[in-house]
ModelCIF file with pLDDT and N, C-alpha, C, O atoms, coordinates in Angstrom:
data_MODEL
#
_entry.id   MODEL 
#
_entity.id                         1 
_entity.type                       polymer 
_entity.pdbx_number_of_molecules   1 
#
_entity_poly.entity_id                      1 
_entity_poly.type                           'polypeptide(L)' 
_entity_poly.nstd_linkage                   no 
_entity_poly.nstd_monomer                   no 
_entity_poly.pdbx_seq_one_letter_code       
;(UNK)(UNK)(UNK)(UNK)(UNK)(UNK)(UNK)(UNK)(UNK)(UNK)(UNK)(UNK)(UNK)(UNK)(UNK)(UNK)
(UNK)(UNK)(UNK)(UNK)(UNK)(UNK)(UNK)(UNK)(UNK)(UNK)(UNK)(UNK)(UNK)(UNK)(UNK)(UNK)
(UNK)(UNK)(UNK)(UNK)(UNK)(UNK)(UNK)(UNK)(UNK)(UNK)(UNK)
;
_entity_poly.pdbx_seq_one_letter_code_can   XXXXXXXXXXXXXXXXXXXXXXXXXXXXXXXXXXXXXXXXXXX 
_entity_poly.pdbx_strand_id                 A 
#
loop_
_entity_poly_seq.entity_id 
_entity_poly_seq.num 
_entity_poly_seq.mon_id 
_entity_poly_seq.hetero 
1 1  UNK n 
1 2  UNK n 
1 3  UNK n 
1 4  UNK n 
1 5  UNK n 
1 6  UNK n 
1 7  UNK n 
1 8  UNK n 
1 9  UNK n 
1 10 UNK n 
1 11 UNK n 
1 12 UNK n 
1 13 UNK n 
1 14 UNK n 
1 15 UNK n 
1 16 UNK n 
1 17 UNK n 
1 18 UNK n 
1 19 UNK n 
1 20 UNK n 
1 21 UNK n 
1 22 UNK n 
1 23 UNK n 
1 24 UNK n 
1 25 UNK n 
1 26 UNK n 
1 27 UNK n 
1 28 UNK n 
1 29 UNK n 
1 30 UNK n 
1 31 UNK n 
1 32 UNK n 
1 33 UNK n 
1 34 UNK n 
1 35 UNK n 
1 36 UNK n 
1 37 UNK n 
1 38 UNK n 
1 39 UNK n 
1 40 UNK n 
1 41 UNK n 
1 42 UNK n 
1 43 UNK n 
#
_struct_asym.id          A 
_struct_asym.entity_id   1 
#
loop_
_ma_qa_metric.id 
_ma_qa_metric.mode 
_ma_qa_metric.name 
_ma_qa_metric.software_group_id 
_ma_qa_metric.type 
1 global pLDDT . pLDDT 
2 local  pLDDT . pLDDT 
#
_ma_qa_metric_global.metric_id      1 
_ma_qa_metric_global.metric_value   63.49 
_ma_qa_metric_global.model_id       1 
_ma_qa_metric_global.ordinal_id     1 
#
loop_
_ma_qa_metric_local.label_asym_id 
_ma_qa_metric_local.label_comp_id 
_ma_qa_metric_local.label_seq_id 
_ma_qa_metric_local.metric_id 
_ma_qa_metric_local.metric_value 
_ma_qa_metric_local.model_id 
_ma_qa_metric_local.ordinal_id 
A UNK 1  2 61.00 1 1  
A UNK 2  2 63.00 1 2  
A UNK 3  2 67.00 1 3  
A UNK 4  2 65.00 1 4  
A UNK 5  2 63.00 1 5  
A UNK 6  2 65.00 1 6  
A UNK 7  2 69.00 1 7  
A UNK 8  2 74.00 1 8  
A UNK 9  2 74.00 1 9  
A UNK 10 2 75.00 1 10 
A UNK 11 2 77.00 1 11 
A UNK 12 2 83.00 1 12 
A UNK 13 2 83.00 1 13 
A UNK 14 2 80.00 1 14 
A UNK 15 2 81.00 1 15 
A UNK 16 2 86.00 1 16 
A UNK 17 2 88.00 1 17 
A UNK 18 2 88.00 1 18 
A UNK 19 2 90.00 1 19 
A UNK 20 2 90.00 1 20 
A UNK 21 2 83.00 1 21 
A UNK 22 2 71.00 1 22 
A UNK 23 2 67.00 1 23 
A UNK 24 2 57.00 1 24 
A UNK 25 2 50.00 1 25 
A UNK 26 2 52.00 1 26 
A UNK 27 2 48.00 1 27 
A UNK 28 2 46.00 1 28 
A UNK 29 2 49.00 1 29 
A UNK 30 2 49.00 1 30 
A UNK 31 2 47.00 1 31 
A UNK 32 2 47.00 1 32 
A UNK 33 2 51.00 1 33 
A UNK 34 2 49.00 1 34 
A UNK 35 2 48.00 1 35 
A UNK 36 2 52.00 1 36 
A UNK 37 2 51.00 1 37 
A UNK 38 2 51.00 1 38 
A UNK 39 2 49.00 1 39 
A UNK 40 2 48.00 1 40 
A UNK 41 2 46.00 1 41 
A UNK 42 2 46.00 1 42 
A UNK 43 2 51.00 1 43 
#
loop_
_atom_site.group_PDB 
_atom_site.id 
_atom_site.type_symbol 
_atom_site.label_atom_id 
_atom_site.label_alt_id 
_atom_site.label_comp_id 
_atom_site.label_asym_id 
_atom_site.label_entity_id 
_atom_site.label_seq_id 
_atom_site.pdbx_PDB_ins_code 
_atom_site.Cartn_x 
_atom_site.Cartn_y 
_atom_site.Cartn_z 
_atom_site.occupancy 
_atom_site.B_iso_or_equiv 
_atom_site.pdbx_formal_charge 
_atom_site.auth_seq_id 
_atom_site.auth_comp_id 
_atom_site.auth_asym_id 
_atom_site.auth_atom_id 
_atom_site.pdbx_PDB_model_num 
ATOM 1   N N  . UNK A 1 1  ? -27.527 -77.085 73.461 1.00 61.00 ? 1  UNK A N  1 
ATOM 2   C CA . UNK A 1 1  ? -26.998 -77.680 74.677 1.00 61.00 ? 1  UNK A CA 1 
ATOM 3   C C  . UNK A 1 1  ? -25.817 -77.211 75.421 1.00 61.00 ? 1  UNK A C  1 
ATOM 4   O O  . UNK A 1 1  ? -25.625 -77.010 76.620 1.00 61.00 ? 1  UNK A O  1 
ATOM 5   N N  . UNK A 1 2  ? -24.781 -77.045 73.943 1.00 63.00 ? 2  UNK A N  1 
ATOM 6   C CA . UNK A 1 2  ? -23.487 -76.406 74.862 1.00 63.00 ? 2  UNK A CA 1 
ATOM 7   C C  . UNK A 1 2  ? -23.628 -74.986 75.543 1.00 63.00 ? 2  UNK A C  1 
ATOM 8   O O  . UNK A 1 2  ? -22.599 -74.467 75.975 1.00 63.00 ? 2  UNK A O  1 
ATOM 9   N N  . UNK A 1 3  ? -24.586 -74.460 75.640 1.00 67.00 ? 3  UNK A N  1 
ATOM 10  C CA . UNK A 1 3  ? -24.813 -73.185 75.948 1.00 67.00 ? 3  UNK A CA 1 
ATOM 11  C C  . UNK A 1 3  ? -24.707 -73.456 77.317 1.00 67.00 ? 3  UNK A C  1 
ATOM 12  O O  . UNK A 1 3  ? -23.918 -72.781 77.979 1.00 67.00 ? 3  UNK A O  1 
ATOM 13  N N  . UNK A 1 4  ? -25.288 -74.224 77.783 1.00 65.00 ? 4  UNK A N  1 
ATOM 14  C CA . UNK A 1 4  ? -25.280 -74.359 79.275 1.00 65.00 ? 4  UNK A CA 1 
ATOM 15  C C  . UNK A 1 4  ? -24.122 -75.001 79.680 1.00 65.00 ? 4  UNK A C  1 
ATOM 16  O O  . UNK A 1 4  ? -24.234 -75.318 80.865 1.00 65.00 ? 4  UNK A O  1 
ATOM 17  N N  . UNK A 1 5  ? -23.120 -75.311 79.235 1.00 63.00 ? 5  UNK A N  1 
ATOM 18  C CA . UNK A 1 5  ? -21.978 -75.652 79.697 1.00 63.00 ? 5  UNK A CA 1 
ATOM 19  C C  . UNK A 1 5  ? -20.849 -74.618 79.490 1.00 63.00 ? 5  UNK A C  1 
ATOM 20  O O  . UNK A 1 5  ? -19.749 -74.701 80.037 1.00 63.00 ? 5  UNK A O  1 
ATOM 21  N N  . UNK A 1 6  ? -21.212 -73.681 78.685 1.00 65.00 ? 6  UNK A N  1 
ATOM 22  C CA . UNK A 1 6  ? -20.281 -72.683 78.289 1.00 65.00 ? 6  UNK A CA 1 
ATOM 23  C C  . UNK A 1 6  ? -19.526 -72.227 79.103 1.00 65.00 ? 6  UNK A C  1 
ATOM 24  O O  . UNK A 1 6  ? -18.335 -72.231 78.795 1.00 65.00 ? 6  UNK A O  1 
ATOM 25  N N  . UNK A 1 7  ? -19.874 -71.738 80.269 1.00 69.00 ? 7  UNK A N  1 
ATOM 26  C CA . UNK A 1 7  ? -19.282 -70.932 81.275 1.00 69.00 ? 7  UNK A CA 1 
ATOM 27  C C  . UNK A 1 7  ? -18.029 -71.737 81.733 1.00 69.00 ? 7  UNK A C  1 
ATOM 28  O O  . UNK A 1 7  ? -16.863 -71.352 81.644 1.00 69.00 ? 7  UNK A O  1 
ATOM 29  N N  . UNK A 1 8  ? -18.528 -73.068 82.301 1.00 74.00 ? 8  UNK A N  1 
ATOM 30  C CA . UNK A 1 8  ? -17.421 -73.955 82.645 1.00 74.00 ? 8  UNK A CA 1 
ATOM 31  C C  . UNK A 1 8  ? -16.187 -74.829 81.478 1.00 74.00 ? 8  UNK A C  1 
ATOM 32  O O  . UNK A 1 8  ? -15.122 -75.383 81.749 1.00 74.00 ? 8  UNK A O  1 
ATOM 33  N N  . UNK A 1 9  ? -16.968 -74.621 80.020 1.00 74.00 ? 9  UNK A N  1 
ATOM 34  C CA . UNK A 1 9  ? -15.713 -74.866 79.256 1.00 74.00 ? 9  UNK A CA 1 
ATOM 35  C C  . UNK A 1 9  ? -14.826 -73.640 78.909 1.00 74.00 ? 9  UNK A C  1 
ATOM 36  O O  . UNK A 1 9  ? -13.686 -73.783 78.467 1.00 74.00 ? 9  UNK A O  1 
ATOM 37  N N  . UNK A 1 10 ? -15.399 -72.425 79.129 1.00 75.00 ? 10 UNK A N  1 
ATOM 38  C CA . UNK A 1 10 ? -14.387 -71.323 78.740 1.00 75.00 ? 10 UNK A CA 1 
ATOM 39  C C  . UNK A 1 10 ? -13.468 -71.209 80.041 1.00 75.00 ? 10 UNK A C  1 
ATOM 40  O O  . UNK A 1 10 ? -12.274 -70.967 79.859 1.00 75.00 ? 10 UNK A O  1 
ATOM 41  N N  . UNK A 1 11 ? -14.019 -71.393 81.541 1.00 77.00 ? 11 UNK A N  1 
ATOM 42  C CA . UNK A 1 11 ? -13.099 -71.405 82.539 1.00 77.00 ? 11 UNK A CA 1 
ATOM 43  C C  . UNK A 1 11 ? -11.794 -72.383 82.539 1.00 77.00 ? 11 UNK A C  1 
ATOM 44  O O  . UNK A 1 11 ? -10.704 -72.131 83.054 1.00 77.00 ? 11 UNK A O  1 
ATOM 45  N N  . UNK A 1 12 ? -12.169 -73.543 81.845 1.00 83.00 ? 12 UNK A N  1 
ATOM 46  C CA . UNK A 1 12 ? -11.292 -74.627 81.686 1.00 83.00 ? 12 UNK A CA 1 
ATOM 47  C C  . UNK A 1 12 ? -10.192 -74.126 80.740 1.00 83.00 ? 12 UNK A C  1 
ATOM 48  O O  . UNK A 1 12 ? -8.993  -74.238 80.999 1.00 83.00 ? 12 UNK A O  1 
ATOM 49  N N  . UNK A 1 13 ? -10.765 -73.478 79.449 1.00 83.00 ? 13 UNK A N  1 
ATOM 50  C CA . UNK A 1 13 ? -9.773  -72.958 78.396 1.00 83.00 ? 13 UNK A CA 1 
ATOM 51  C C  . UNK A 1 13 ? -8.757  -71.856 78.987 1.00 83.00 ? 13 UNK A C  1 
ATOM 52  O O  . UNK A 1 13 ? -7.529  -71.900 78.910 1.00 83.00 ? 13 UNK A O  1 
ATOM 53  N N  . UNK A 1 14 ? -9.555  -70.843 79.604 1.00 80.00 ? 14 UNK A N  1 
ATOM 54  C CA . UNK A 1 14 ? -8.723  -70.136 80.529 1.00 80.00 ? 14 UNK A CA 1 
ATOM 55  C C  . UNK A 1 14 ? -7.496  -70.623 81.395 1.00 80.00 ? 14 UNK A C  1 
ATOM 56  O O  . UNK A 1 14 ? -6.322  -70.260 81.317 1.00 80.00 ? 14 UNK A O  1 
ATOM 57  N N  . UNK A 1 15 ? -8.026  -71.453 82.161 1.00 81.00 ? 15 UNK A N  1 
ATOM 58  C CA . UNK A 1 15 ? -7.107  -72.190 83.426 1.00 81.00 ? 15 UNK A CA 1 
ATOM 59  C C  . UNK A 1 15 ? -5.825  -73.009 82.356 1.00 81.00 ? 15 UNK A C  1 
ATOM 60  O O  . UNK A 1 15 ? -4.684  -73.291 82.723 1.00 81.00 ? 15 UNK A O  1 
ATOM 61  N N  . UNK A 1 16 ? -6.298  -73.208 81.267 1.00 86.00 ? 16 UNK A N  1 
ATOM 62  C CA . UNK A 1 16 ? -5.136  -73.994 80.351 1.00 86.00 ? 16 UNK A CA 1 
ATOM 63  C C  . UNK A 1 16 ? -4.524  -73.216 79.528 1.00 86.00 ? 16 UNK A C  1 
ATOM 64  O O  . UNK A 1 16 ? -3.661  -73.761 78.840 1.00 86.00 ? 16 UNK A O  1 
ATOM 65  N N  . UNK A 1 17 ? -4.761  -71.718 79.329 1.00 88.00 ? 17 UNK A N  1 
ATOM 66  C CA . UNK A 1 17 ? -4.116  -70.802 78.786 1.00 88.00 ? 17 UNK A CA 1 
ATOM 67  C C  . UNK A 1 17 ? -4.395  -71.264 77.523 1.00 88.00 ? 17 UNK A C  1 
ATOM 68  O O  . UNK A 1 17 ? -3.413  -71.418 76.797 1.00 88.00 ? 17 UNK A O  1 
ATOM 69  N N  . UNK A 1 18 ? -5.659  -71.570 76.991 1.00 88.00 ? 18 UNK A N  1 
ATOM 70  C CA . UNK A 1 18 ? -5.842  -71.971 75.590 1.00 88.00 ? 18 UNK A CA 1 
ATOM 71  C C  . UNK A 1 18 ? -7.116  -70.643 75.077 1.00 88.00 ? 18 UNK A C  1 
ATOM 72  O O  . UNK A 1 18 ? -8.250  -70.475 75.524 1.00 88.00 ? 18 UNK A O  1 
ATOM 73  N N  . UNK A 1 19 ? -6.338  -69.827 73.941 1.00 90.00 ? 19 UNK A N  1 
ATOM 74  C CA . UNK A 1 19 ? -7.336  -68.617 73.792 1.00 90.00 ? 19 UNK A CA 1 
ATOM 75  C C  . UNK A 1 19 ? -7.932  -68.845 72.313 1.00 90.00 ? 19 UNK A C  1 
ATOM 76  O O  . UNK A 1 19 ? -8.643  -67.915 71.933 1.00 90.00 ? 19 UNK A O  1 
ATOM 77  N N  . UNK A 1 20 ? -7.785  -69.836 71.475 1.00 90.00 ? 20 UNK A N  1 
ATOM 78  C CA . UNK A 1 20 ? -8.196  -69.718 69.857 1.00 90.00 ? 20 UNK A CA 1 
ATOM 79  C C  . UNK A 1 20 ? -8.554  -71.699 69.971 1.00 90.00 ? 20 UNK A C  1 
ATOM 80  O O  . UNK A 1 20 ? -8.042  -72.531 70.721 1.00 90.00 ? 20 UNK A O  1 
ATOM 81  N N  . UNK A 1 21 ? -9.583  -71.861 68.920 1.00 83.00 ? 21 UNK A N  1 
ATOM 82  C CA . UNK A 1 21 ? -9.879  -73.202 68.603 1.00 83.00 ? 21 UNK A CA 1 
ATOM 83  C C  . UNK A 1 21 ? -10.094 -73.554 67.090 1.00 83.00 ? 21 UNK A C  1 
ATOM 84  O O  . UNK A 1 21 ? -10.010 -72.775 66.140 1.00 83.00 ? 21 UNK A O  1 
ATOM 85  N N  . UNK A 1 22 ? -10.332 -74.634 67.071 1.00 71.00 ? 22 UNK A N  1 
ATOM 86  C CA . UNK A 1 22 ? -9.956  -75.294 65.251 1.00 71.00 ? 22 UNK A CA 1 
ATOM 87  C C  . UNK A 1 22 ? -9.594  -74.607 64.567 1.00 71.00 ? 22 UNK A C  1 
ATOM 88  O O  . UNK A 1 22 ? -10.271 -74.430 63.554 1.00 71.00 ? 22 UNK A O  1 
ATOM 89  N N  . UNK A 1 23 ? -8.451  -73.916 64.723 1.00 67.00 ? 23 UNK A N  1 
ATOM 90  C CA . UNK A 1 23 ? -7.573  -73.546 63.917 1.00 67.00 ? 23 UNK A CA 1 
ATOM 91  C C  . UNK A 1 23 ? -6.852  -74.383 62.675 1.00 67.00 ? 23 UNK A C  1 
ATOM 92  O O  . UNK A 1 23 ? -6.370  -75.514 62.734 1.00 67.00 ? 23 UNK A O  1 
ATOM 93  N N  . UNK A 1 24 ? -6.913  -73.608 61.684 1.00 57.00 ? 24 UNK A N  1 
ATOM 94  C CA . UNK A 1 24 ? -6.131  -74.803 60.355 1.00 57.00 ? 24 UNK A CA 1 
ATOM 95  C C  . UNK A 1 24 ? -4.800  -75.038 60.852 1.00 57.00 ? 24 UNK A C  1 
ATOM 96  O O  . UNK A 1 24 ? -3.976  -74.168 60.574 1.00 57.00 ? 24 UNK A O  1 
ATOM 97  N N  . UNK A 1 25 ? -4.366  -76.151 61.611 1.00 50.00 ? 25 UNK A N  1 
ATOM 98  C CA . UNK A 1 25 ? -3.383  -76.540 62.000 1.00 50.00 ? 25 UNK A CA 1 
ATOM 99  C C  . UNK A 1 25 ? -2.900  -77.981 61.135 1.00 50.00 ? 25 UNK A C  1 
ATOM 100 O O  . UNK A 1 25 ? -3.797  -78.478 60.453 1.00 50.00 ? 25 UNK A O  1 
ATOM 101 N N  . UNK A 1 26 ? -2.026  -78.435 61.122 1.00 52.00 ? 26 UNK A N  1 
ATOM 102 C CA . UNK A 1 26 ? -1.166  -79.447 60.512 1.00 52.00 ? 26 UNK A CA 1 
ATOM 103 C C  . UNK A 1 26 ? -2.331  -80.887 61.206 1.00 52.00 ? 26 UNK A C  1 
ATOM 104 O O  . UNK A 1 26 ? -2.988  -81.777 60.667 1.00 52.00 ? 26 UNK A O  1 
ATOM 105 N N  . UNK A 1 27 ? -2.114  -80.502 62.483 1.00 48.00 ? 27 UNK A N  1 
ATOM 106 C CA . UNK A 1 27 ? -2.886  -81.599 63.440 1.00 48.00 ? 27 UNK A CA 1 
ATOM 107 C C  . UNK A 1 27 ? -4.543  -81.805 62.838 1.00 48.00 ? 27 UNK A C  1 
ATOM 108 O O  . UNK A 1 27 ? -5.116  -82.805 62.406 1.00 48.00 ? 27 UNK A O  1 
ATOM 109 N N  . UNK A 1 28 ? -5.047  -80.240 63.049 1.00 46.00 ? 28 UNK A N  1 
ATOM 110 C CA . UNK A 1 28 ? -6.526  -80.433 62.394 1.00 46.00 ? 28 UNK A CA 1 
ATOM 111 C C  . UNK A 1 28 ? -6.459  -80.924 61.128 1.00 46.00 ? 28 UNK A C  1 
ATOM 112 O O  . UNK A 1 28 ? -7.283  -81.797 60.858 1.00 46.00 ? 28 UNK A O  1 
ATOM 113 N N  . UNK A 1 29 ? -5.785  -80.634 60.380 1.00 49.00 ? 29 UNK A N  1 
ATOM 114 C CA . UNK A 1 29 ? -5.969  -81.169 58.928 1.00 49.00 ? 29 UNK A CA 1 
ATOM 115 C C  . UNK A 1 29 ? -5.877  -82.710 58.835 1.00 49.00 ? 29 UNK A C  1 
ATOM 116 O O  . UNK A 1 29 ? -6.722  -83.411 58.280 1.00 49.00 ? 29 UNK A O  1 
ATOM 117 N N  . UNK A 1 30 ? -4.746  -83.159 59.445 1.00 49.00 ? 30 UNK A N  1 
ATOM 118 C CA . UNK A 1 30 ? -4.512  -84.738 59.780 1.00 49.00 ? 30 UNK A CA 1 
ATOM 119 C C  . UNK A 1 30 ? -5.817  -85.341 60.158 1.00 49.00 ? 30 UNK A C  1 
ATOM 120 O O  . UNK A 1 30 ? -6.392  -86.178 59.462 1.00 49.00 ? 30 UNK A O  1 
ATOM 121 N N  . UNK A 1 31 ? -6.374  -84.764 61.577 1.00 47.00 ? 31 UNK A N  1 
ATOM 122 C CA . UNK A 1 31 ? -7.726  -85.470 61.631 1.00 47.00 ? 31 UNK A CA 1 
ATOM 123 C C  . UNK A 1 31 ? -8.752  -85.534 60.963 1.00 47.00 ? 31 UNK A C  1 
ATOM 124 O O  . UNK A 1 31 ? -9.514  -86.501 60.969 1.00 47.00 ? 31 UNK A O  1 
ATOM 125 N N  . UNK A 1 32 ? -8.927  -84.282 60.157 1.00 47.00 ? 32 UNK A N  1 
ATOM 126 C CA . UNK A 1 32 ? -9.747  -83.967 59.387 1.00 47.00 ? 32 UNK A CA 1 
ATOM 127 C C  . UNK A 1 32 ? -9.618  -85.052 58.293 1.00 47.00 ? 32 UNK A C  1 
ATOM 128 O O  . UNK A 1 32 ? -10.653 -85.627 57.958 1.00 47.00 ? 32 UNK A O  1 
ATOM 129 N N  . UNK A 1 33 ? -8.450  -85.388 57.703 1.00 51.00 ? 33 UNK A N  1 
ATOM 130 C CA . UNK A 1 33 ? -7.980  -86.540 56.454 1.00 51.00 ? 33 UNK A CA 1 
ATOM 131 C C  . UNK A 1 33 ? -8.539  -87.534 56.935 1.00 51.00 ? 33 UNK A C  1 
ATOM 132 O O  . UNK A 1 33 ? -9.472  -87.951 56.249 1.00 51.00 ? 33 UNK A O  1 
ATOM 133 N N  . UNK A 1 34 ? -8.236  -88.317 58.258 1.00 49.00 ? 34 UNK A N  1 
ATOM 134 C CA . UNK A 1 34 ? -8.320  -89.423 58.824 1.00 49.00 ? 34 UNK A CA 1 
ATOM 135 C C  . UNK A 1 34 ? -10.114 -89.924 58.987 1.00 49.00 ? 34 UNK A C  1 
ATOM 136 O O  . UNK A 1 34 ? -10.746 -90.955 58.757 1.00 49.00 ? 34 UNK A O  1 
ATOM 137 N N  . UNK A 1 35 ? -10.391 -88.751 59.432 1.00 48.00 ? 35 UNK A N  1 
ATOM 138 C CA . UNK A 1 35 ? -11.772 -88.776 59.689 1.00 48.00 ? 35 UNK A CA 1 
ATOM 139 C C  . UNK A 1 35 ? -13.038 -88.461 58.734 1.00 48.00 ? 35 UNK A C  1 
ATOM 140 O O  . UNK A 1 35 ? -14.208 -88.701 59.029 1.00 48.00 ? 35 UNK A O  1 
ATOM 141 N N  . UNK A 1 36 ? -12.645 -87.959 57.703 1.00 52.00 ? 36 UNK A N  1 
ATOM 142 C CA . UNK A 1 36 ? -13.747 -87.572 57.028 1.00 52.00 ? 36 UNK A CA 1 
ATOM 143 C C  . UNK A 1 36 ? -13.217 -88.007 55.457 1.00 52.00 ? 36 UNK A C  1 
ATOM 144 O O  . UNK A 1 36 ? -13.894 -87.737 54.465 1.00 52.00 ? 36 UNK A O  1 
ATOM 145 N N  . UNK A 1 37 ? -11.967 -88.684 55.386 1.00 51.00 ? 37 UNK A N  1 
ATOM 146 C CA . UNK A 1 37 ? -11.777 -88.992 53.983 1.00 51.00 ? 37 UNK A CA 1 
ATOM 147 C C  . UNK A 1 37 ? -11.206 -90.584 53.815 1.00 51.00 ? 37 UNK A C  1 
ATOM 148 O O  . UNK A 1 37 ? -11.432 -91.208 52.778 1.00 51.00 ? 37 UNK A O  1 
ATOM 149 N N  . UNK A 1 38 ? -10.513 -91.122 54.838 1.00 51.00 ? 38 UNK A N  1 
ATOM 150 C CA . UNK A 1 38 ? -9.828  -92.160 54.680 1.00 51.00 ? 38 UNK A CA 1 
ATOM 151 C C  . UNK A 1 38 ? -10.445 -93.325 55.394 1.00 51.00 ? 38 UNK A C  1 
ATOM 152 O O  . UNK A 1 38 ? -10.267 -94.464 54.963 1.00 51.00 ? 38 UNK A O  1 
ATOM 153 N N  . UNK A 1 39 ? -11.213 -93.076 56.542 1.00 49.00 ? 39 UNK A N  1 
ATOM 154 C CA . UNK A 1 39 ? -11.784 -94.236 57.441 1.00 49.00 ? 39 UNK A CA 1 
ATOM 155 C C  . UNK A 1 39 ? -13.002 -95.036 56.857 1.00 49.00 ? 39 UNK A C  1 
ATOM 156 O O  . UNK A 1 39 ? -13.726 -94.138 56.427 1.00 49.00 ? 39 UNK A O  1 
ATOM 157 N N  . UNK A 1 40 ? -13.368 -95.738 56.710 1.00 48.00 ? 40 UNK A N  1 
ATOM 158 C CA . UNK A 1 40 ? -14.614 -96.411 56.171 1.00 48.00 ? 40 UNK A CA 1 
ATOM 159 C C  . UNK A 1 40 ? -15.947 -95.743 56.931 1.00 48.00 ? 40 UNK A C  1 
ATOM 160 O O  . UNK A 1 40 ? -15.953 -95.485 58.135 1.00 48.00 ? 40 UNK A O  1 
ATOM 161 N N  . UNK A 1 41 ? -17.030 -95.516 56.066 1.00 46.00 ? 41 UNK A N  1 
ATOM 162 C CA . UNK A 1 41 ? -18.183 -94.616 56.378 1.00 46.00 ? 41 UNK A CA 1 
ATOM 163 C C  . UNK A 1 41 ? -17.730 -93.448 56.867 1.00 46.00 ? 41 UNK A C  1 
ATOM 164 O O  . UNK A 1 41 ? -18.415 -92.818 57.673 1.00 46.00 ? 41 UNK A O  1 
ATOM 165 N N  . UNK A 1 42 ? -16.336 -92.933 56.382 1.00 46.00 ? 42 UNK A N  1 
ATOM 166 C CA . UNK A 1 42 ? -16.081 -91.467 56.938 1.00 46.00 ? 42 UNK A CA 1 
ATOM 167 C C  . UNK A 1 42 ? -17.007 -90.511 56.579 1.00 46.00 ? 42 UNK A C  1 
ATOM 168 O O  . UNK A 1 42 ? -17.684 -90.081 57.512 1.00 46.00 ? 42 UNK A O  1 
ATOM 169 N N  . UNK A 1 43 ? -17.206 -90.095 55.572 1.00 51.00 ? 43 UNK A N  1 
ATOM 170 C CA . UNK A 1 43 ? -18.246 -89.231 54.768 1.00 51.00 ? 43 UNK A CA 1 
ATOM 171 C C  . UNK A 1 43 ? -19.396 -89.264 55.693 1.00 51.00 ? 43 UNK A C  1 
ATOM 172 O O  . UNK A 1 43 ? -20.439 -88.678 55.402 1.00 51.00 ? 43 UNK A O  1 
#
């Protein structure tokens, strides 16, 4: 399903000067911990 909107997404990333995604950043690790470890039914 994502392939059908991929062109629009890539143009948006380019416009926003975003060149990488889902890197191991402090924010990404924090989101992971909050949603996959600490919230009810997170796993």
